[in-house]
Amino acid sequence: MDLVLSLIIISLMGYWCYTIAKRKGRSKALAIFMGLLFGIIAVIVYAILKPTKEVQLKNAEKLLKK
């Protein structure tokens, strides 16, 4: 039971990093790997990272169109 719970939590950390990386324009494969390897630390790091320049420009264009 403990092993199953641990695998579920580790998988969720990988998925969480993936979703943050996707939103910020970062490498999704690397995010999954880091999430699986480092867990909550990787989630915190990805949450703190700024979006890439391309994503920032895309967001700025959306704001200007409104």
PDB file of N, CA and C in Angstrom:
ATOM      1  N   MET A   1       0.828  -1.196   0.000  1.00  0.00           N
ATOM      2  CA  MET A   1       0.000   0.000   0.000  1.00  0.00           C
ATOM      3  C   MET A   1       0.872   1.259   0.000  1.00  0.00           C
ATOM      4  N   ASP A   2       1.932   1.254   0.797  1.00  0.00           N
ATOM      5  CA  ASP A   2       2.811   2.420   0.859  1.00  0.00           C
ATOM      6  C   ASP A   2       3.510   2.660  -0.470  1.00  0.00           C
ATOM      7  N   LEU A   3       3.893   1.580  -1.141  1.00  0.00           N
ATOM      8  CA  LEU A   3       4.557   1.707  -2.436  1.00  0.00           C
ATOM      9  C   LEU A   3       3.616   2.318  -3.470  1.00  0.00           C
ATOM     10  N   VAL A   4       2.381   1.881  -3.471  1.00  0.00           N
ATOM     11  CA  VAL A   4       1.394   2.400  -4.420  1.00  0.00           C
ATOM     12  C   VAL A   4       1.159   3.886  -4.169  1.00  0.00           C
ATOM     13  N   LEU A   5       1.011   4.254  -2.908  1.00  0.00           N
ATOM     14  CA  LEU A   5       0.798   5.661  -2.562  1.00  0.00           C
ATOM     15  C   LEU A   5       2.003   6.513  -2.959  1.00  0.00           C
ATOM     16  N   SER A   6       3.195   6.000  -2.734  1.00  0.00           N
ATOM     17  CA  SER A   6       4.413   6.722  -3.118  1.00  0.00           C
ATOM     18  C   SER A   6       4.485   6.920  -4.627  1.00  0.00           C
ATOM     19  N   LEU A   7       4.149   5.884  -5.392  1.00  0.00           N
ATOM     20  CA  LEU A   7       4.166   5.996  -6.850  1.00  0.00           C
ATOM     21  C   LEU A   7       3.131   6.991  -7.356  1.00  0.00           C
ATOM     22  N   ILE A   8       1.988   7.022  -6.727  1.00  0.00           N
ATOM     23  CA  ILE A   8       0.945   7.981  -7.109  1.00  0.00           C
ATOM     24  C   ILE A   8       1.420   9.405  -6.840  1.00  0.00           C
ATOM     25  N   ILE A   9       2.005   9.637  -5.682  1.00  0.00           N
ATOM     26  CA  ILE A   9       2.484  10.977  -5.323  1.00  0.00           C
ATOM     27  C   ILE A   9       3.616  11.415  -6.252  1.00  0.00           C
ATOM     28  N   ILE A  10       4.549  10.517  -6.540  1.00  0.00           N
ATOM     29  CA  ILE A  10       5.658  10.850  -7.441  1.00  0.00           C
ATOM     30  C   ILE A  10       5.124  11.170  -8.835  1.00  0.00           C
ATOM     31  N   SER A  11       4.154  10.387  -9.297  1.00  0.00           N
ATOM     32  CA  SER A  11       3.553  10.637 -10.614  1.00  0.00           C
ATOM     33  C   SER A  11       2.847  11.987 -10.655  1.00  0.00           C
ATOM     34  N   LEU A  12       2.157  12.329  -9.585  1.00  0.00           N
ATOM     35  CA  LEU A  12       1.485  13.631  -9.528  1.00  0.00           C
ATOM     36  C   LEU A  12       2.484  14.787  -9.552  1.00  0.00           C
ATOM     37  N   MET A  13       3.626  14.615  -8.911  1.00  0.00           N
ATOM     38  CA  MET A  13       4.664  15.659  -8.947  1.00  0.00           C
ATOM     39  C   MET A  13       5.182  15.848 -10.368  1.00  0.00           C
ATOM     40  N   GLY A  14       5.388  14.744 -11.087  1.00  0.00           N
ATOM     41  CA  GLY A  14       5.821  14.836 -12.479  1.00  0.00           C
ATOM     42  C   GLY A  14       4.784  15.531 -13.339  1.00  0.00           C
ATOM     43  N   TYR A  15       3.515  15.190 -13.143  1.00  0.00           N
ATOM     44  CA  TYR A  15       2.445  15.816 -13.915  1.00  0.00           C
ATOM     45  C   TYR A  15       2.294  17.293 -13.572  1.00  0.00           C
ATOM     46  N   TRP A  16       2.437  17.624 -12.304  1.00  0.00           N
ATOM     47  CA  TRP A  16       2.340  19.016 -11.871  1.00  0.00           C
ATOM     48  C   TRP A  16       3.436  19.854 -12.518  1.00  0.00           C
ATOM     49  N   CYS A  17       4.660  19.335 -12.513  1.00  0.00           N
ATOM     50  CA  CYS A  17       5.762  20.037 -13.183  1.00  0.00           C
ATOM     51  C   CYS A  17       5.485  20.182 -14.674  1.00  0.00           C
ATOM     52  N   TYR A  18       4.932  19.139 -15.285  1.00  0.00           N
ATOM     53  CA  TYR A  18       4.598  19.175 -16.705  1.00  0.00           C
ATOM     54  C   TYR A  18       3.619  20.308 -17.013  1.00  0.00           C
ATOM     55  N   THR A  19       2.569  20.432 -16.213  1.00  0.00           N
ATOM     56  CA  THR A  19       1.569  21.464 -16.483  1.00  0.00           C
ATOM     57  C   THR A  19       2.141  22.869 -16.287  1.00  0.00           C
ATOM     58  N   ILE A  20       2.975  23.048 -15.282  1.00  0.00           N
ATOM     59  CA  ILE A  20       3.592  24.357 -15.067  1.00  0.00           C
ATOM     60  C   ILE A  20       4.527  24.683 -16.226  1.00  0.00           C
ATOM     61  N   ALA A  21       5.343  23.713 -16.636  1.00  0.00           N
ATOM     62  CA  ALA A  21       6.291  23.930 -17.732  1.00  0.00           C
ATOM     63  C   ALA A  21       5.556  24.231 -19.037  1.00  0.00           C
ATOM     64  N   LYS A  22       4.477  23.546 -19.295  1.00  0.00           N
ATOM     65  CA  LYS A  22       3.695  23.782 -20.513  1.00  0.00           C
ATOM     66  C   LYS A  22       3.156  25.203 -20.538  1.00  0.00           C
ATOM     67  N   ARG A  23       2.636  25.662 -19.398  1.00  0.00           N
ATOM     68  CA  ARG A  23       2.074  27.008 -19.309  1.00  0.00           C
ATOM     69  C   ARG A  23       3.151  28.087 -19.469  1.00  0.00           C
ATOM     70  N   LYS A  24       4.369  27.786 -19.025  1.00  0.00           N
ATOM     71  CA  LYS A  24       5.438  28.782 -19.058  1.00  0.00           C
ATOM     72  C   LYS A  24       6.366  28.635 -20.257  1.00  0.00           C
ATOM     73  N   GLY A  25       6.088  27.685 -21.146  1.00  0.00           N
ATOM     74  CA  GLY A  25       6.878  27.528 -22.361  1.00  0.00           C
ATOM     75  C   GLY A  25       8.214  26.837 -22.129  1.00  0.00           C
ATOM     76  N   ARG A  26       8.321  26.049 -21.108  1.00  0.00           N
ATOM     77  CA  ARG A  26       9.549  25.320 -20.785  1.00  0.00           C
ATOM     78  C   ARG A  26       9.484  23.903 -21.346  1.00  0.00           C
ATOM     79  N   SER A  27      10.602  23.194 -21.287  1.00  0.00           N
ATOM     80  CA  SER A  27      10.669  21.817 -21.773  1.00  0.00           C
ATOM     81  C   SER A  27       9.793  20.911 -20.907  1.00  0.00           C
ATOM     82  N   LYS A  28       8.822  20.282 -21.550  1.00  0.00           N
ATOM     83  CA  LYS A  28       7.877  19.445 -20.815  1.00  0.00           C
ATOM     84  C   LYS A  28       8.504  18.107 -20.406  1.00  0.00           C
ATOM     85  N   ALA A  29       9.341  17.538 -21.269  1.00  0.00           N
ATOM     86  CA  ALA A  29       9.985  16.259 -20.946  1.00  0.00           C
ATOM     87  C   ALA A  29      10.931  16.417 -19.760  1.00  0.00           C
ATOM     88  N   LEU A  30      11.694  17.492 -19.766  1.00  0.00           N
ATOM     89  CA  LEU A  30      12.602  17.754 -18.651  1.00  0.00           C
ATOM     90  C   LEU A  30      11.819  18.008 -17.365  1.00  0.00           C
ATOM     91  N   ALA A  31      10.699  18.668 -17.486  1.00  0.00           N
ATOM     92  CA  ALA A  31       9.876  18.958 -16.310  1.00  0.00           C
ATOM     93  C   ALA A  31       9.348  17.673 -15.684  1.00  0.00           C
ATOM     94  N   ILE A  32       8.892  16.744 -16.503  1.00  0.00           N
ATOM     95  CA  ILE A  32       8.412  15.466 -15.972  1.00  0.00           C
ATOM     96  C   ILE A  32       9.547  14.742 -15.261  1.00  0.00           C
ATOM     97  N   PHE A  33      10.707  14.689 -15.902  1.00  0.00           N
ATOM     98  CA  PHE A  33      11.861  14.018 -15.306  1.00  0.00           C
ATOM     99  C   PHE A  33      12.238  14.645 -13.971  1.00  0.00           C
ATOM    100  N   MET A  34      12.317  15.974 -13.943  1.00  0.00           N
ATOM    101  CA  MET A  34      12.680  16.664 -12.700  1.00  0.00           C
ATOM    102  C   MET A  34      11.618  16.459 -11.625  1.00  0.00           C
ATOM    103  N   GLY A  35      10.356  16.478 -12.014  1.00  0.00           N
ATOM    104  CA  GLY A  35       9.284  16.255 -11.059  1.00  0.00           C
ATOM    105  C   GLY A  35       9.338  14.866 -10.450  1.00  0.00           C
ATOM    106  N   LEU A  36       9.636  13.868 -11.281  1.00  0.00           N
ATOM    107  CA  LEU A  36       9.748  12.504 -10.770  1.00  0.00           C
ATOM    108  C   LEU A  36      10.972  12.337  -9.874  1.00  0.00           C
ATOM    109  N   LEU A  37      12.043  13.023 -10.233  1.00  0.00           N
ATOM    110  CA  LEU A  37      13.302  12.867  -9.504  1.00  0.00           C
ATOM    111  C   LEU A  37      13.344  13.680  -8.213  1.00  0.00           C
ATOM    112  N   PHE A  38      12.889  14.934  -8.265  1.00  0.00           N
ATOM    113  CA  PHE A  38      13.048  15.837  -7.119  1.00  0.00           C
ATOM    114  C   PHE A  38      11.743  16.187  -6.403  1.00  0.00           C
ATOM    115  N   GLY A  39      10.613  15.788  -6.949  1.00  0.00           N
ATOM    116  CA  GLY A  39       9.340  15.973  -6.270  1.00  0.00           C
ATOM    117  C   GLY A  39       8.943  17.422  -6.059  1.00  0.00           C
ATOM    118  N   ILE A  40       8.561  17.735  -4.841  1.00  0.00           N
ATOM    119  CA  ILE A  40       8.017  19.056  -4.515  1.00  0.00           C
ATOM    120  C   ILE A  40       9.037  20.174  -4.738  1.00  0.00           C
ATOM    121  N   ILE A  41      10.325  19.871  -4.604  1.00  0.00           N
ATOM    122  CA  ILE A  41      11.363  20.877  -4.864  1.00  0.00           C
ATOM    123  C   ILE A  41      11.295  21.327  -6.324  1.00  0.00           C
ATOM    124  N   ALA A  42      11.132  20.380  -7.237  1.00  0.00           N
ATOM    125  CA  ALA A  42      11.032  20.716  -8.661  1.00  0.00           C
ATOM    126  C   ALA A  42       9.768  21.521  -8.945  1.00  0.00           C
ATOM    127  N   VAL A  43       8.686  21.189  -8.293  1.00  0.00           N
ATOM    128  CA  VAL A  43       7.430  21.934  -8.479  1.00  0.00           C
ATOM    129  C   VAL A  43       7.634  23.384  -8.050  1.00  0.00           C
ATOM    130  N   ILE A  44       8.277  23.590  -6.926  1.00  0.00           N
ATOM    131  CA  ILE A  44       8.526  24.951  -6.434  1.00  0.00           C
ATOM    132  C   ILE A  44       9.424  25.712  -7.401  1.00  0.00           C
ATOM    133  N   VAL A  45      10.476  25.062  -7.892  1.00  0.00           N
ATOM    134  CA  VAL A  45      11.396  25.725  -8.826  1.00  0.00           C
ATOM    135  C   VAL A  45      10.670  26.102 -10.110  1.00  0.00           C
ATOM    136  N   TYR A  46       9.889  25.193 -10.666  1.00  0.00           N
ATOM    137  CA  TYR A  46       9.154  25.509 -11.894  1.00  0.00           C
ATOM    138  C   TYR A  46       8.111  26.597 -11.674  1.00  0.00           C
ATOM    139  N   ALA A  47       7.532  26.645 -10.500  1.00  0.00           N
ATOM    140  CA  ALA A  47       6.558  27.701 -10.208  1.00  0.00           C
ATOM    141  C   ALA A  47       7.234  29.062 -10.114  1.00  0.00           C
ATOM    142  N   ILE A  48       8.475  29.100  -9.649  1.00  0.00           N
ATOM    143  CA  ILE A  48       9.200  30.361  -9.485  1.00  0.00           C
ATOM    144  C   ILE A  48       9.772  30.862 -10.815  1.00  0.00           C
ATOM    145  N   LEU A  49      10.152  29.941 -11.710  1.00  0.00           N
ATOM    146  CA  LEU A  49      10.756  30.341 -12.983  1.00  0.00           C
ATOM    147  C   LEU A  49       9.832  31.252 -13.778  1.00  0.00           C
ATOM    148  N   LYS A  50      10.436  32.218 -14.446  1.00  0.00           N
ATOM    149  CA  LYS A  50       9.663  33.098 -15.325  1.00  0.00           C
ATOM    150  C   LYS A  50       9.336  32.366 -16.622  1.00  0.00           C
ATOM    151  N   PRO A  51       8.266  32.777 -17.275  1.00  0.00           N
ATOM    152  CA  PRO A  51       7.975  32.210 -18.596  1.00  0.00           C
ATOM    153  C   PRO A  51       9.062  32.601 -19.600  1.00  0.00           C
ATOM    154  N   THR A  52       9.181  31.834 -20.672  1.00  0.00           N
ATOM    155  CA  THR A  52      10.154  32.154 -21.709  1.00  0.00           C
ATOM    156  C   THR A  52       9.750  33.455 -22.410  1.00  0.00           C
ATOM    157  N   LYS A  53      10.668  34.034 -23.125  1.00  0.00           N
ATOM    158  CA  LYS A  53      10.400  35.296 -23.828  1.00  0.00           C
ATOM    159  C   LYS A  53       9.246  35.151 -24.815  1.00  0.00           C
ATOM    160  N   GLU A  54       9.189  34.002 -25.505  1.00  0.00           N
ATOM    161  CA  GLU A  54       8.126  33.789 -26.478  1.00  0.00           C
ATOM    162  C   GLU A  54       6.749  33.816 -25.802  1.00  0.00           C
ATOM    163  N   VAL A  55       6.657  33.179 -24.651  1.00  0.00           N
ATOM    164  CA  VAL A  55       5.383  33.150 -23.923  1.00  0.00           C
ATOM    165  C   VAL A  55       5.050  34.535 -23.392  1.00  0.00           C
ATOM    166  N   GLN A  56       6.060  35.271 -22.922  1.00  0.00           N
ATOM    167  CA  GLN A  56       5.821  36.627 -22.432  1.00  0.00           C
ATOM    168  C   GLN A  56       5.311  37.521 -23.557  1.00  0.00           C
ATOM    169  N   LEU A  57       5.904  37.412 -24.742  1.00  0.00           N
ATOM    170  CA  LEU A  57       5.449  38.213 -25.889  1.00  0.00           C
ATOM    171  C   LEU A  57       4.023  37.834 -26.299  1.00  0.00           C
ATOM    172  N   LYS A  58       3.738  36.535 -26.287  1.00  0.00           N
ATOM    173  CA  LYS A  58       2.401  36.070 -26.642  1.00  0.00           C
ATOM    174  C   LYS A  58       1.365  36.592 -25.649  1.00  0.00           C
ATOM    175  N   ASN A  59       1.689  36.576 -24.369  1.00  0.00           N
ATOM    176  CA  ASN A  59       0.770  37.097 -23.347  1.00  0.00           C
ATOM    177  C   ASN A  59       0.592  38.603 -23.487  1.00  0.00           C
ATOM    178  N   ALA A  60       1.674  39.326 -23.810  1.00  0.00           N
ATOM    179  CA  ALA A  60       1.584  40.761 -23.987  1.00  0.00           C
ATOM    180  C   ALA A  60       0.715  41.107 -25.186  1.00  0.00           C
ATOM    181  N   GLU A  61       0.844  40.342 -26.269  1.00  0.00           N
ATOM    182  CA  GLU A  61       0.007  40.577 -27.452  1.00  0.00           C
ATOM    183  C   GLU A  61      -1.472  40.355 -27.130  1.00  0.00           C
ATOM    184  N   LYS A  62      -1.762  39.345 -26.339  1.00  0.00           N
ATOM    185  CA  LYS A  62      -3.151  39.086 -25.941  1.00  0.00           C
ATOM    186  C   LYS A  62      -3.710  40.251 -25.145  1.00  0.00           C
ATOM    187  N   LEU A  63      -2.889  40.801 -24.255  1.00  0.00           N
ATOM    188  CA  LEU A  63      -3.348  41.928 -23.446  1.00  0.00           C
ATOM    189  C   LEU A  63      -3.588  43.175 -24.290  1.00  0.00           C
ATOM    190  N   LEU A  64      -2.731  43.389 -25.291  1.00  0.00           N
ATOM    191  CA  LEU A  64      -2.876  44.572 -26.139  1.00  0.00           C
ATOM    192  C   LEU A  64      -4.104  44.481 -27.045  1.00  0.00           C
ATOM    193  N   LYS A  65      -4.493  43.275 -27.395  1.00  0.00           N
ATOM    194  CA  LYS A  65      -5.659  43.090 -28.277  1.00  0.00           C
ATOM    195  C   LYS A  65      -6.975  43.366 -27.547  1.00  0.00           C
ATOM    196  N   LYS A  66      -6.969  43.269 -26.241  1.00  0.00           N
ATOM    197  CA  LYS A  66      -8.211  43.467 -25.475  1.00  0.00           C
ATOM    198  C   LYS A  66      -8.605  44.915 -25.397  1.00  0.00           C
TER     199      LYS A  66
END
